[in-house]
Amino acid sequence: QVQLVESGGGLVQAGGSLRLSCADSGDTFSSYAMGWLRQAPGKERVVVATISASGGSTRYVDSVKGRFTISRDNVKNTMGLKMNSLKPGDTAVYYCASCPTYVCYAAKEYDYWGQGSQVVVSS
């Protein structure tokens, strides 16, 4: 069974960096694609970055390309999101989630979720 636990996040000034981590206590982590999603206040939850099961393929939403990096370690059963050059518009609750297919482009396609990590970027 997939059980995702997030860590990281917090408060940072614009231009700063943060790293989010997601750990899966199950034993099938390397079998499925993963993603990071975020939900800003009053807005829908959206996909920020995706990574294939092997880690060989990654995708990013245009607004974070060149600033965020998604990664995974299938030995440690962990996934990370390194966020650089943060902007106030990046303020949101960030979620890691598992994808039951090769890749998931919409929040509704993800099946298991982490508890969420608050990221606040001050100007």
PDB file of N, CA and C in Angstrom:
ATOM      1  N   GLN A   1       0.841  -1.185   0.000  1.00  0.00           N
ATOM      2  CA  GLN A   1       0.000   0.000   0.000  1.00  0.00           C
ATOM      3  C   GLN A   1       0.874   1.232   0.000  1.00  0.00           C
ATOM      4  N   VAL A   2       0.431   2.271  -0.678  1.00  0.00           N
ATOM      5  CA  VAL A   2       1.183   3.515  -0.772  1.00  0.00           C
ATOM      6  C   VAL A   2       0.853   4.407   0.414  1.00  0.00           C
ATOM      7  N   GLN A   3       1.888   4.830   1.106  1.00  0.00           N
ATOM      8  CA  GLN A   3       1.719   5.791   2.198  1.00  0.00           C
ATOM      9  C   GLN A   3       2.786   6.852   2.039  1.00  0.00           C
ATOM     10  N   LEU A   4       2.362   8.049   1.725  1.00  0.00           N
ATOM     11  CA  LEU A   4       3.277   9.134   1.409  1.00  0.00           C
ATOM     12  C   LEU A   4       3.341  10.127   2.559  1.00  0.00           C
ATOM     13  N   VAL A   5       4.551  10.436   2.984  1.00  0.00           N
ATOM     14  CA  VAL A   5       4.768  11.385   4.071  1.00  0.00           C
ATOM     15  C   VAL A   5       5.717  12.472   3.578  1.00  0.00           C
ATOM     16  N   GLU A   6       5.283  13.699   3.683  1.00  0.00           N
ATOM     17  CA  GLU A   6       6.062  14.820   3.202  1.00  0.00           C
ATOM     18  C   GLU A   6       6.845  15.486   4.335  1.00  0.00           C
ATOM     19  N   SER A   7       7.926  16.145   3.930  1.00  0.00           N
ATOM     20  CA  SER A   7       8.693  16.963   4.859  1.00  0.00           C
ATOM     21  C   SER A   7       9.284  18.133   4.081  1.00  0.00           C
ATOM     22  N   GLY A   8       9.674  19.149   4.820  1.00  0.00           N
ATOM     23  CA  GLY A   8      10.218  20.339   4.185  1.00  0.00           C
ATOM     24  C   GLY A   8       9.177  21.439   4.151  1.00  0.00           C
ATOM     25  N   GLY A   9       9.399  22.406   3.303  1.00  0.00           N
ATOM     26  CA  GLY A   9       8.501  23.540   3.241  1.00  0.00           C
ATOM     27  C   GLY A   9       8.857  24.571   4.295  1.00  0.00           C
ATOM     28  N   GLY A  10       8.029  25.613   4.368  1.00  0.00           N
ATOM     29  CA  GLY A  10       8.263  26.662   5.352  1.00  0.00           C
ATOM     30  C   GLY A  10       8.138  28.035   4.744  1.00  0.00           C
ATOM     31  N   LEU A  11       8.762  28.995   5.405  1.00  0.00           N
ATOM     32  CA  LEU A  11       8.708  30.405   5.004  1.00  0.00           C
ATOM     33  C   LEU A  11      10.071  30.823   4.450  1.00  0.00           C
ATOM     34  N   VAL A  12      10.054  31.488   3.309  1.00  0.00           N
ATOM     35  CA  VAL A  12      11.295  31.926   2.682  1.00  0.00           C
ATOM     36  C   VAL A  12      11.049  33.245   1.976  1.00  0.00           C
ATOM     37  N   GLN A  13      12.086  34.038   1.863  1.00  0.00           N
ATOM     38  CA  GLN A  13      11.968  35.298   1.129  1.00  0.00           C
ATOM     39  C   GLN A  13      12.053  35.042  -0.366  1.00  0.00           C
ATOM     40  N   ALA A  14      11.480  35.937  -1.134  1.00  0.00           N
ATOM     41  CA  ALA A  14      11.550  35.830  -2.592  1.00  0.00           C
ATOM     42  C   ALA A  14      13.015  35.738  -3.035  1.00  0.00           C
ATOM     43  N   GLY A  15      13.253  34.843  -3.984  1.00  0.00           N
ATOM     44  CA  GLY A  15      14.613  34.592  -4.444  1.00  0.00           C
ATOM     45  C   GLY A  15      15.306  33.463  -3.713  1.00  0.00           C
ATOM     46  N   GLY A  16      14.725  33.014  -2.632  1.00  0.00           N
ATOM     47  CA  GLY A  16      15.316  31.945  -1.834  1.00  0.00           C
ATOM     48  C   GLY A  16      14.990  30.569  -2.371  1.00  0.00           C
ATOM     49  N   SER A  17      15.430  29.562  -1.632  1.00  0.00           N
ATOM     50  CA  SER A  17      15.260  28.175  -2.044  1.00  0.00           C
ATOM     51  C   SER A  17      14.675  27.341  -0.909  1.00  0.00           C
ATOM     52  N   LEU A  18      13.970  26.299  -1.310  1.00  0.00           N
ATOM     53  CA  LEU A  18      13.449  25.306  -0.373  1.00  0.00           C
ATOM     54  C   LEU A  18      13.492  23.948  -1.032  1.00  0.00           C
ATOM     55  N   ARG A  19      13.478  22.912  -0.205  1.00  0.00           N
ATOM     56  CA  ARG A  19      13.412  21.563  -0.737  1.00  0.00           C
ATOM     57  C   ARG A  19      12.302  20.801  -0.024  1.00  0.00           C
ATOM     58  N   LEU A  20      11.476  20.161  -0.810  1.00  0.00           N
ATOM     59  CA  LEU A  20      10.433  19.285  -0.281  1.00  0.00           C
ATOM     60  C   LEU A  20      10.838  17.835  -0.501  1.00  0.00           C
ATOM     61  N   SER A  21      10.476  16.991   0.437  1.00  0.00           N
ATOM     62  CA  SER A  21      10.733  15.561   0.297  1.00  0.00           C
ATOM     63  C   SER A  21       9.453  14.783   0.543  1.00  0.00           C
ATOM     64  N   CYS A  22       9.393  13.625  -0.072  1.00  0.00           N
ATOM     65  CA  CYS A  22       8.220  12.750   0.051  1.00  0.00           C
ATOM     66  C   CYS A  22       8.737  11.325   0.182  1.00  0.00           C
ATOM     67  N   ALA A  23       8.335  10.656   1.233  1.00  0.00           N
ATOM     68  CA  ALA A  23       8.793   9.286   1.464  1.00  0.00           C
ATOM     69  C   ALA A  23       7.615   8.327   1.437  1.00  0.00           C
ATOM     70  N   ASP A  24       7.839   7.185   0.810  1.00  0.00           N
ATOM     71  CA  ASP A  24       6.803   6.156   0.719  1.00  0.00           C
ATOM     72  C   ASP A  24       7.236   4.962   1.569  1.00  0.00           C
ATOM     73  N   SER A  25       6.408   4.588   2.526  1.00  0.00           N
ATOM     74  CA  SER A  25       6.745   3.470   3.407  1.00  0.00           C
ATOM     75  C   SER A  25       6.383   2.125   2.818  1.00  0.00           C
ATOM     76  N   GLY A  26       5.742   2.116   1.644  1.00  0.00           N
ATOM     77  CA  GLY A  26       5.386   0.871   0.998  1.00  0.00           C
ATOM     78  C   GLY A  26       6.561   0.256   0.262  1.00  0.00           C
ATOM     79  N   ASP A  27       6.282  -0.816  -0.465  1.00  0.00           N
ATOM     80  CA  ASP A  27       7.358  -1.529  -1.160  1.00  0.00           C
ATOM     81  C   ASP A  27       7.181  -1.558  -2.672  1.00  0.00           C
ATOM     82  N   THR A  28       6.340  -0.654  -3.195  1.00  0.00           N
ATOM     83  CA  THR A  28       6.114  -0.626  -4.644  1.00  0.00           C
ATOM     84  C   THR A  28       6.437   0.734  -5.249  1.00  0.00           C
ATOM     85  N   PHE A  29       7.217   1.528  -4.534  1.00  0.00           N
ATOM     86  CA  PHE A  29       7.479   2.911  -4.948  1.00  0.00           C
ATOM     87  C   PHE A  29       8.024   3.000  -6.366  1.00  0.00           C
ATOM     88  N   SER A  30       8.925   2.111  -6.706  1.00  0.00           N
ATOM     89  CA  SER A  30       9.579   2.188  -8.016  1.00  0.00           C
ATOM     90  C   SER A  30       8.661   1.776  -9.165  1.00  0.00           C
ATOM     91  N   SER A  31       7.444   1.365  -8.857  1.00  0.00           N
ATOM     92  CA  SER A  31       6.525   0.876  -9.879  1.00  0.00           C
ATOM     93  C   SER A  31       5.637   1.952 -10.474  1.00  0.00           C
ATOM     94  N   TYR A  32       5.579   3.120  -9.866  1.00  0.00           N
ATOM     95  CA  TYR A  32       4.628   4.110 -10.350  1.00  0.00           C
ATOM     96  C   TYR A  32       5.250   5.492 -10.494  1.00  0.00           C
ATOM     97  N   ALA A  33       4.660   6.235 -11.400  1.00  0.00           N
ATOM     98  CA  ALA A  33       5.050   7.627 -11.582  1.00  0.00           C
ATOM     99  C   ALA A  33       4.595   8.450 -10.383  1.00  0.00           C
ATOM    100  N   MET A  34       5.192   9.613 -10.238  1.00  0.00           N
ATOM    101  CA  MET A  34       4.874  10.480  -9.104  1.00  0.00           C
ATOM    102  C   MET A  34       4.744  11.917  -9.583  1.00  0.00           C
ATOM    103  N   GLY A  35       4.184  12.732  -8.746  1.00  0.00           N
ATOM    104  CA  GLY A  35       4.074  14.139  -9.086  1.00  0.00           C
ATOM    105  C   GLY A  35       4.052  15.018  -7.856  1.00  0.00           C
ATOM    106  N   TRP A  36       4.385  16.262  -8.083  1.00  0.00           N
ATOM    107  CA  TRP A  36       4.188  17.315  -7.078  1.00  0.00           C
ATOM    108  C   TRP A  36       3.076  18.233  -7.585  1.00  0.00           C
ATOM    109  N   LEU A  37       2.147  18.528  -6.722  1.00  0.00           N
ATOM    110  CA  LEU A  37       1.053  19.424  -7.046  1.00  0.00           C
ATOM    111  C   LEU A  37       1.001  20.516  -5.999  1.00  0.00           C
ATOM    112  N   ARG A  38       0.341  21.615  -6.322  1.00  0.00           N
ATOM    113  CA  ARG A  38       0.186  22.686  -5.343  1.00  0.00           C
ATOM    114  C   ARG A  38      -1.191  23.303  -5.438  1.00  0.00           C
ATOM    115  N   GLN A  39      -1.601  23.842  -4.304  1.00  0.00           N
ATOM    116  CA  GLN A  39      -2.900  24.495  -4.237  1.00  0.00           C
ATOM    117  C   GLN A  39      -2.736  25.804  -3.495  1.00  0.00           C
ATOM    118  N   ALA A  40      -2.938  26.880  -4.214  1.00  0.00           N
ATOM    119  CA  ALA A  40      -2.886  28.212  -3.614  1.00  0.00           C
ATOM    120  C   ALA A  40      -4.258  28.534  -3.040  1.00  0.00           C
ATOM    121  N   PRO A  41      -4.314  29.456  -2.091  1.00  0.00           N
ATOM    122  CA  PRO A  41      -5.601  29.813  -1.478  1.00  0.00           C
ATOM    123  C   PRO A  41      -6.634  30.237  -2.519  1.00  0.00           C
ATOM    124  N   GLY A  42      -7.786  29.611  -2.471  1.00  0.00           N
ATOM    125  CA  GLY A  42      -8.865  29.959  -3.377  1.00  0.00           C
ATOM    126  C   GLY A  42      -8.711  29.444  -4.793  1.00  0.00           C
ATOM    127  N   LYS A  43      -7.716  28.620  -5.018  1.00  0.00           N
ATOM    128  CA  LYS A  43      -7.471  28.110  -6.369  1.00  0.00           C
ATOM    129  C   LYS A  43      -7.507  26.579  -6.383  1.00  0.00           C
ATOM    130  N   GLU A  44      -7.592  26.038  -7.588  1.00  0.00           N
ATOM    131  CA  GLU A  44      -7.608  24.592  -7.748  1.00  0.00           C
ATOM    132  C   GLU A  44      -6.206  24.017  -7.533  1.00  0.00           C
ATOM    133  N   ARG A  45      -6.183  22.741  -7.209  1.00  0.00           N
ATOM    134  CA  ARG A  45      -4.914  22.029  -7.091  1.00  0.00           C
ATOM    135  C   ARG A  45      -4.393  21.727  -8.489  1.00  0.00           C
ATOM    136  N   VAL A  46      -3.140  22.063  -8.747  1.00  0.00           N
ATOM    137  CA  VAL A  46      -2.567  21.894 -10.087  1.00  0.00           C
ATOM    138  C   VAL A  46      -1.251  21.135 -10.020  1.00  0.00           C
ATOM    139  N   VAL A  47      -0.948  20.464 -11.113  1.00  0.00           N
ATOM    140  CA  VAL A  47       0.296  19.722 -11.207  1.00  0.00           C
ATOM    141  C   VAL A  47       1.449  20.693 -11.467  1.00  0.00           C
ATOM    142  N   VAL A  48       2.514  20.538 -10.719  1.00  0.00           N
ATOM    143  CA  VAL A  48       3.694  21.378 -10.869  1.00  0.00           C
ATOM    144  C   VAL A  48       4.792  20.623 -11.613  1.00  0.00           C
ATOM    145  N   ALA A  49       4.997  19.380 -11.242  1.00  0.00           N
ATOM    146  CA  ALA A  49       6.060  18.580 -11.853  1.00  0.00           C
ATOM    147  C   ALA A  49       5.702  17.107 -11.757  1.00  0.00           C
ATOM    148  N   THR A  50       6.130  16.355 -12.756  1.00  0.00           N
ATOM    149  CA  THR A  50       5.905  14.910 -12.757  1.00  0.00           C
ATOM    150  C   THR A  50       7.215  14.190 -13.046  1.00  0.00           C
ATOM    151  N   ILE A  51       7.289  12.953 -12.595  1.00  0.00           N
ATOM    152  CA  ILE A  51       8.471  12.134 -12.844  1.00  0.00           C
ATOM    153  C   ILE A  51       8.019  10.706 -13.085  1.00  0.00           C
ATOM    154  N   SER A  52       8.629  10.070 -14.064  1.00  0.00           N
ATOM    155  CA  SER A  52       8.252   8.710 -14.405  1.00  0.00           C
ATOM    156  C   SER A  52       8.732   7.737 -13.327  1.00  0.00           C
ATOM    157  N   ALA A  53       8.276   6.495 -13.421  1.00  0.00           N
ATOM    158  CA  ALA A  53       8.621   5.496 -12.422  1.00  0.00           C
ATOM    159  C   ALA A  53      10.128   5.297 -12.306  1.00  0.00           C
ATOM    160  N   SER A  54      10.816   5.302 -13.426  1.00  0.00           N
ATOM    161  CA  SER A  54      12.265   5.112 -13.416  1.00  0.00           C
ATOM    162  C   SER A  54      13.020   6.375 -13.060  1.00  0.00           C
ATOM    163  N   GLY A  55      12.351   7.518 -13.184  1.00  0.00           N
ATOM    164  CA  GLY A  55      13.019   8.800 -12.962  1.00  0.00           C
ATOM    165  C   GLY A  55      13.625   9.363 -14.221  1.00  0.00           C
ATOM    166  N   GLY A  56      13.493   8.641 -15.326  1.00  0.00           N
ATOM    167  CA  GLY A  56      14.130   9.069 -16.554  1.00  0.00           C
ATOM    168  C   GLY A  56      13.398  10.156 -17.308  1.00  0.00           C
ATOM    169  N   SER A  57      12.156  10.400 -16.970  1.00  0.00           N
ATOM    170  CA  SER A  57      11.370  11.414 -17.668  1.00  0.00           C
ATOM    171  C   SER A  57      10.726  12.351 -16.661  1.00  0.00           C
ATOM    172  N   THR A  58      10.902  13.630 -16.881  1.00  0.00           N
ATOM    173  CA  THR A  58      10.312  14.634 -16.000  1.00  0.00           C
ATOM    174  C   THR A  58       9.587  15.692 -16.837  1.00  0.00           C
ATOM    175  N   ARG A  59       8.583  16.296 -16.231  1.00  0.00           N
ATOM    176  CA  ARG A  59       7.836  17.371 -16.893  1.00  0.00           C
ATOM    177  C   ARG A  59       7.545  18.440 -15.858  1.00  0.00           C
ATOM    178  N   TYR A  60       7.474  19.696 -16.327  1.00  0.00           N
ATOM    179  CA  TYR A  60       7.207  20.816 -15.442  1.00  0.00           C
ATOM    180  C   TYR A  60       6.165  21.741 -16.060  1.00  0.00           C
ATOM    181  N   VAL A  61       5.393  22.349 -15.197  1.00  0.00           N
ATOM    182  CA  VAL A  61       4.513  23.406 -15.670  1.00  0.00           C
ATOM    183  C   VAL A  61       5.398  24.599 -16.043  1.00  0.00           C
ATOM    184  N   ASP A  62       4.965  25.376 -17.031  1.00  0.00           N
ATOM    185  CA  ASP A  62       5.814  26.441 -17.560  1.00  0.00           C
ATOM    186  C   ASP A  62       6.275  27.421 -16.477  1.00  0.00           C
ATOM    187  N   SER A  63       5.430  27.693 -15.517  1.00  0.00           N
ATOM    188  CA  SER A  63       5.742  28.722 -14.521  1.00  0.00           C
ATOM    189  C   SER A  63       6.906  28.339 -13.601  1.00  0.00           C
ATOM    190  N   VAL A  64       7.294  27.068 -13.570  1.00  0.00           N
ATOM    191  CA  VAL A  64       8.393  26.662 -12.690  1.00  0.00           C
ATOM    192  C   VAL A  64       9.593  26.122 -13.449  1.00  0.00           C
ATOM    193  N   LYS A  65       9.497  26.024 -14.755  1.00  0.00           N
ATOM    194  CA  LYS A  65      10.618  25.506 -15.548  1.00  0.00           C
ATOM    195  C   LYS A  65      11.878  26.340 -15.314  1.00  0.00           C
ATOM    196  N   GLY A  66      12.979  25.651 -15.117  1.00  0.00           N
ATOM    197  CA  GLY A  66      14.238  26.326 -14.869  1.00  0.00           C
ATOM    198  C   GLY A  66      14.462  26.718 -13.422  1.00  0.00           C
ATOM    199  N   ARG A  67      13.425  26.608 -12.600  1.00  0.00           N
ATOM    200  CA  ARG A  67      13.549  26.973 -11.183  1.00  0.00           C
ATOM    201  C   ARG A  67      13.361  25.766 -10.265  1.00  0.00           C
ATOM    202  N   PHE A  68      12.485  24.849 -10.635  1.00  0.00           N
ATOM    203  CA  PHE A  68      12.192  23.670  -9.810  1.00  0.00           C
ATOM    204  C   PHE A  68      12.804  22.432 -10.448  1.00  0.00           C
ATOM    205  N   THR A  69      13.227  21.505  -9.609  1.00  0.00           N
ATOM    206  CA  THR A  69      13.762  20.230 -10.081  1.00  0.00           C
ATOM    207  C   THR A  69      13.142  19.097  -9.281  1.00  0.00           C
ATOM    208  N   ILE A  70      12.510  18.177  -9.996  1.00  0.00           N
ATOM    209  CA  ILE A  70      11.929  16.999  -9.362  1.00  0.00           C
ATOM    210  C   ILE A  70      12.909  15.840  -9.488  1.00  0.00           C
ATOM    211  N   SER A  71      12.979  15.015  -8.465  1.00  0.00           N
ATOM    212  CA  SER A  71      13.902  13.891  -8.488  1.00  0.00           C
ATOM    213  C   SER A  71      13.326  12.764  -7.646  1.00  0.00           C
ATOM    214  N   ARG A  72      13.873  11.567  -7.817  1.00  0.00           N
ATOM    215  CA  ARG A  72      13.437  10.441  -7.002  1.00  0.00           C
ATOM    216  C   ARG A  72      14.597   9.485  -6.786  1.00  0.00           C
ATOM    217  N   ASP A  73      14.516   8.759  -5.684  1.00  0.00           N
ATOM    218  CA  ASP A  73      15.497   7.731  -5.346  1.00  0.00           C
ATOM    219  C   ASP A  73      14.719   6.457  -5.068  1.00  0.00           C
ATOM    220  N   ASN A  74      14.753   5.530  -6.025  1.00  0.00           N
ATOM    221  CA  ASN A  74      13.947   4.316  -5.899  1.00  0.00           C
ATOM    222  C   ASN A  74      14.559   3.288  -4.947  1.00  0.00           C
ATOM    223  N   VAL A  75      15.729   3.555  -4.451  1.00  0.00           N
ATOM    224  CA  VAL A  75      16.317   2.696  -3.414  1.00  0.00           C
ATOM    225  C   VAL A  75      15.822   3.146  -2.039  1.00  0.00           C
ATOM    226  N   LYS A  76      15.804   4.451  -1.842  1.00  0.00           N
ATOM    227  CA  LYS A  76      15.344   5.014  -0.562  1.00  0.00           C
ATOM    228  C   LYS A  76      13.844   5.263  -0.532  1.00  0.00           C
ATOM    229  N   ASN A  77      13.170   5.031  -1.667  1.00  0.00           N
ATOM    230  CA  ASN A  77      11.720   5.277  -1.759  1.00  0.00           C
ATOM    231  C   ASN A  77      11.369   6.728  -1.426  1.00  0.00           C
ATOM    232  N   THR A  78      12.099   7.635  -2.003  1.00  0.00           N
ATOM    233  CA  THR A  78      11.841   9.042  -1.745  1.00  0.00           C
ATOM    234  C   THR A  78      11.775   9.834  -3.050  1.00  0.00           C
ATOM    235  N   MET A  79      11.103  10.957  -2.964  1.00  0.00           N
ATOM    236  CA  MET A  79      11.018  11.889  -4.084  1.00  0.00           C
ATOM    237  C   MET A  79      11.274  13.276  -3.531  1.00  0.00           C
ATOM    238  N   GLY A  80      11.890  14.125  -4.330  1.00  0.00           N
ATOM    239  CA  GLY A  80      12.190  15.465  -3.879  1.00  0.00           C
ATOM    240  C   GLY A  80      11.748  16.517  -4.875  1.00  0.00           C
ATOM    241  N   LEU A  81      11.609  17.724  -4.380  1.00  0.00           N
ATOM    242  CA  LEU A  81      11.350  18.886  -5.228  1.00  0.00           C
ATOM    243  C   LEU A  81      12.231  20.011  -4.726  1.00  0.00           C
ATOM    244  N   LYS A  82      13.260  20.340  -5.505  1.00  0.00           N
ATOM    245  CA  LYS A  82      14.120  21.472  -5.155  1.00  0.00           C
ATOM    246  C   LYS A  82      13.576  22.698  -5.832  1.00  0.00           C
ATOM    247  N   MET A  83      13.304  23.732  -5.037  1.00  0.00           N
ATOM    248  CA  MET A  83      12.696  24.950  -5.541  1.00  0.00           C
ATOM    249  C   MET A  83      13.663  26.111  -5.353  1.00  0.00           C
ATOM    250  N   ASN A  84      14.105  26.680  -6.449  1.00  0.00           N
ATOM    251  CA  ASN A  84      15.008  27.825  -6.419  1.00  0.00           C
ATOM    252  C   ASN A  84      14.310  29.072  -6.946  1.00  0.00           C
ATOM    253  N   SER A  85      14.905  30.204  -6.680  1.00  0.00           N
ATOM    254  CA  SER A  85      14.376  31.489  -7.171  1.00  0.00           C
ATOM    255  C   SER A  85      12.885  31.609  -6.900  1.00  0.00           C
ATOM    256  N   LEU A  86      12.507  31.325  -5.690  1.00  0.00           N
ATOM    257  CA  LEU A  86      11.092  31.314  -5.343  1.00  0.00           C
ATOM    258  C   LEU A  86      10.481  32.699  -5.443  1.00  0.00           C
ATOM    259  N   LYS A  87       9.210  32.701  -5.827  1.00  0.00           N
ATOM    260  CA  LYS A  87       8.451  33.938  -6.010  1.00  0.00           C
ATOM    261  C   LYS A  87       7.223  33.903  -5.102  1.00  0.00           C
ATOM    262  N   PRO A  88       6.684  35.060  -4.778  1.00  0.00           N
ATOM    263  CA  PRO A  88       5.454  35.058  -3.953  1.00  0.00           C
ATOM    264  C   PRO A  88       4.338  34.234  -4.590  1.00  0.00           C
ATOM    265  N   GLY A  89       4.299  34.177  -5.901  1.00  0.00           N
ATOM    266  CA  GLY A  89       3.290  33.385  -6.598  1.00  0.00           C
ATOM    267  C   GLY A  89       3.437  31.893  -6.410  1.00  0.00           C
ATOM    268  N   ASP A  90       4.562  31.463  -5.845  1.00  0.00           N
ATOM    269  CA  ASP A  90       4.753  30.042  -5.547  1.00  0.00           C
ATOM    270  C   ASP A  90       4.137  29.642  -4.210  1.00  0.00           C
ATOM    271  N   THR A  91       3.641  30.614  -3.477  1.00  0.00           N
ATOM    272  CA  THR A  91       3.021  30.330  -2.186  1.00  0.00           C
ATOM    273  C   THR A  91       1.815  29.407  -2.363  1.00  0.00           C
ATOM    274  N   ALA A  92       1.832  28.291  -1.660  1.00  0.00           N
ATOM    275  CA  ALA A  92       0.774  27.291  -1.798  1.00  0.00           C
ATOM    276  C   ALA A  92       1.038  26.148  -0.832  1.00  0.00           C
ATOM    277  N   VAL A  93       0.066  25.270  -0.731  1.00  0.00           N
ATOM    278  CA  VAL A  93       0.298  23.985  -0.081  1.00  0.00           C
ATOM    279  C   VAL A  93       0.730  23.011  -1.180  1.00  0.00           C
ATOM    280  N   TYR A  94       1.841  22.357  -0.958  1.00  0.00           N
ATOM    281  CA  TYR A  94       2.397  21.435  -1.940  1.00  0.00           C
ATOM    282  C   TYR A  94       2.123  19.994  -1.510  1.00  0.00           C
ATOM    283  N   TYR A  95       1.730  19.183  -2.478  1.00  0.00           N
ATOM    284  CA  TYR A  95       1.405  17.782  -2.225  1.00  0.00           C
ATOM    285  C   TYR A  95       2.232  16.872  -3.129  1.00  0.00           C
ATOM    286  N   CYS A  96       2.715  15.788  -2.578  1.00  0.00           N
ATOM    287  CA  CYS A  96       3.244  14.732  -3.422  1.00  0.00           C
ATOM    288  C   CYS A  96       2.123  13.717  -3.623  1.00  0.00           C
ATOM    289  N   ALA A  97       2.144  13.049  -4.762  1.00  0.00           N
ATOM    290  CA  ALA A  97       1.080  12.105  -5.074  1.00  0.00           C
ATOM    291  C   ALA A  97       1.594  11.047  -6.035  1.00  0.00           C
ATOM    292  N   SER A  98       0.954   9.899  -5.987  1.00  0.00           N
ATOM    293  CA  SER A  98       1.326   8.805  -6.877  1.00  0.00           C
ATOM    294  C   SER A  98       0.353   8.727  -8.046  1.00  0.00           C
ATOM    295  N   CYS A  99       0.893   8.306  -9.165  1.00  0.00           N
ATOM    296  CA  CYS A  99       0.132   8.256 -10.418  1.00  0.00           C
ATOM    297  C   CYS A  99       0.029   6.809 -10.876  1.00  0.00           C
ATOM    298  N   PRO A 100      -1.181   6.304 -11.082  1.00  0.00           N
ATOM    299  CA  PRO A 100      -1.356   4.898 -11.447  1.00  0.00           C
ATOM    300  C   PRO A 100      -1.051   4.569 -12.901  1.00  0.00           C
ATOM    301  N   THR A 101      -0.731   5.569 -13.695  1.00  0.00           N
ATOM    302  CA  THR A 101      -0.412   5.328 -15.102  1.00  0.00           C
ATOM    303  C   THR A 101       0.989   5.865 -15.392  1.00  0.00           C
ATOM    304  N   TYR A 102       1.370   5.884 -16.661  1.00  0.00           N
ATOM    305  CA  TYR A 102       2.732   6.320 -17.009  1.00  0.00           C
ATOM    306  C   TYR A 102       2.982   7.766 -16.571  1.00  0.00           C
ATOM    307  N   VAL A 103       1.983   8.618 -16.743  1.00  0.00           N
ATOM    308  CA  VAL A 103       2.099  10.013 -16.324  1.00  0.00           C
ATOM    309  C   VAL A 103       0.700  10.555 -16.091  1.00  0.00           C
ATOM    310  N   CYS A 104       0.583  11.454 -15.147  1.00  0.00           N
ATOM    311  CA  CYS A 104      -0.708  12.062 -14.824  1.00  0.00           C
ATOM    312  C   CYS A 104      -0.596  13.567 -14.980  1.00  0.00           C
ATOM    313  N   TYR A 105      -1.486  14.147 -15.735  1.00  0.00           N
ATOM    314  CA  TYR A 105      -1.420  15.574 -16.030  1.00  0.00           C
ATOM    315  C   TYR A 105      -2.379  16.408 -15.188  1.00  0.00           C
ATOM    316  N   ALA A 106      -3.358  15.769 -14.573  1.00  0.00           N
ATOM    317  CA  ALA A 106      -4.361  16.490 -13.790  1.00  0.00           C
ATOM    318  C   ALA A 106      -4.452  15.905 -12.392  1.00  0.00           C
ATOM    319  N   ALA A 107      -4.820  16.762 -11.458  1.00  0.00           N
ATOM    320  CA  ALA A 107      -4.886  16.331 -10.058  1.00  0.00           C
ATOM    321  C   ALA A 107      -5.809  15.130  -9.868  1.00  0.00           C
ATOM    322  N   LYS A 108      -6.899  15.095 -10.598  1.00  0.00           N
ATOM    323  CA  LYS A 108      -7.885  14.026 -10.422  1.00  0.00           C
ATOM    324  C   LYS A 108      -7.355  12.652 -10.823  1.00  0.00           C
ATOM    325  N   GLU A 109      -6.256  12.622 -11.550  1.00  0.00           N
ATOM    326  CA  GLU A 109      -5.695  11.353 -12.001  1.00  0.00           C
ATOM    327  C   GLU A 109      -4.824  10.683 -10.945  1.00  0.00           C
ATOM    328  N   TYR A 110      -4.401  11.426  -9.935  1.00  0.00           N
ATOM    329  CA  TYR A 110      -3.533  10.882  -8.902  1.00  0.00           C
ATOM    330  C   TYR A 110      -4.361  10.123  -7.870  1.00  0.00           C
ATOM    331  N   ASP A 111      -3.769   9.070  -7.317  1.00  0.00           N
ATOM    332  CA  ASP A 111      -4.573   8.238  -6.421  1.00  0.00           C
ATOM    333  C   ASP A 111      -4.184   8.323  -4.943  1.00  0.00           C
ATOM    334  N   TYR A 112      -2.926   8.377  -4.615  1.00  0.00           N
ATOM    335  CA  TYR A 112      -2.522   8.492  -3.221  1.00  0.00           C
ATOM    336  C   TYR A 112      -1.785   9.817  -3.017  1.00  0.00           C
ATOM    337  N   TRP A 113      -2.002  10.407  -1.831  1.00  0.00           N
ATOM    338  CA  TRP A 113      -1.508  11.760  -1.585  1.00  0.00           C
ATOM    339  C   TRP A 113      -0.745  11.834  -0.271  1.00  0.00           C
ATOM    340  N   GLY A 114       0.247  12.750  -0.258  1.00  0.00           N
ATOM    341  CA  GLY A 114       0.875  13.116   0.996  1.00  0.00           C
ATOM    342  C   GLY A 114      -0.030  14.077   1.753  1.00  0.00           C
ATOM    343  N   GLN A 115       0.416  14.461   2.939  1.00  0.00           N
ATOM    344  CA  GLN A 115      -0.431  15.274   3.821  1.00  0.00           C
ATOM    345  C   GLN A 115      -0.404  16.756   3.463  1.00  0.00           C
ATOM    346  N   GLY A 116       0.524  17.170   2.612  1.00  0.00           N
ATOM    347  CA  GLY A 116       0.621  18.571   2.232  1.00  0.00           C
ATOM    348  C   GLY A 116       1.673  19.309   3.044  1.00  0.00           C
ATOM    349  N   SER A 117       2.391  20.199   2.371  1.00  0.00           N
ATOM    350  CA  SER A 117       3.431  21.011   3.018  1.00  0.00           C
ATOM    351  C   SER A 117       3.221  22.465   2.624  1.00  0.00           C
ATOM    352  N   GLN A 118       3.144  23.332   3.617  1.00  0.00           N
ATOM    353  CA  GLN A 118       2.915  24.747   3.343  1.00  0.00           C
ATOM    354  C   GLN A 118       4.223  25.413   2.928  1.00  0.00           C
ATOM    355  N   VAL A 119       4.171  26.131   1.827  1.00  0.00           N
ATOM    356  CA  VAL A 119       5.295  26.953   1.372  1.00  0.00           C
ATOM    357  C   VAL A 119       4.793  28.384   1.263  1.00  0.00           C
ATOM    358  N   VAL A 120       5.469  29.293   1.963  1.00  0.00           N
ATOM    359  CA  VAL A 120       5.114  30.702   1.924  1.00  0.00           C
ATOM    360  C   VAL A 120       6.339  31.491   1.478  1.00  0.00           C
ATOM    361  N   VAL A 121       6.168  32.253   0.411  1.00  0.00           N
ATOM    362  CA  VAL A 121       7.252  33.063  -0.118  1.00  0.00           C
ATOM    363  C   VAL A 121       6.887  34.528   0.086  1.00  0.00           C
ATOM    364  N   SER A 122       7.680  35.215   0.877  1.00  0.00           N
ATOM    365  CA  SER A 122       7.401  36.611   1.175  1.00  0.00           C
ATOM    366  C   SER A 122       8.152  37.525   0.204  1.00  0.00           C
ATOM    367  N   SER A 123       7.559  38.660  -0.079  1.00  0.00           N
ATOM    368  CA  SER A 123       8.172  39.604  -1.029  1.00  0.00           C
ATOM    369  C   SER A 123       9.131  40.549  -0.331  1.00  0.00           C
TER     370      SER A 123
END
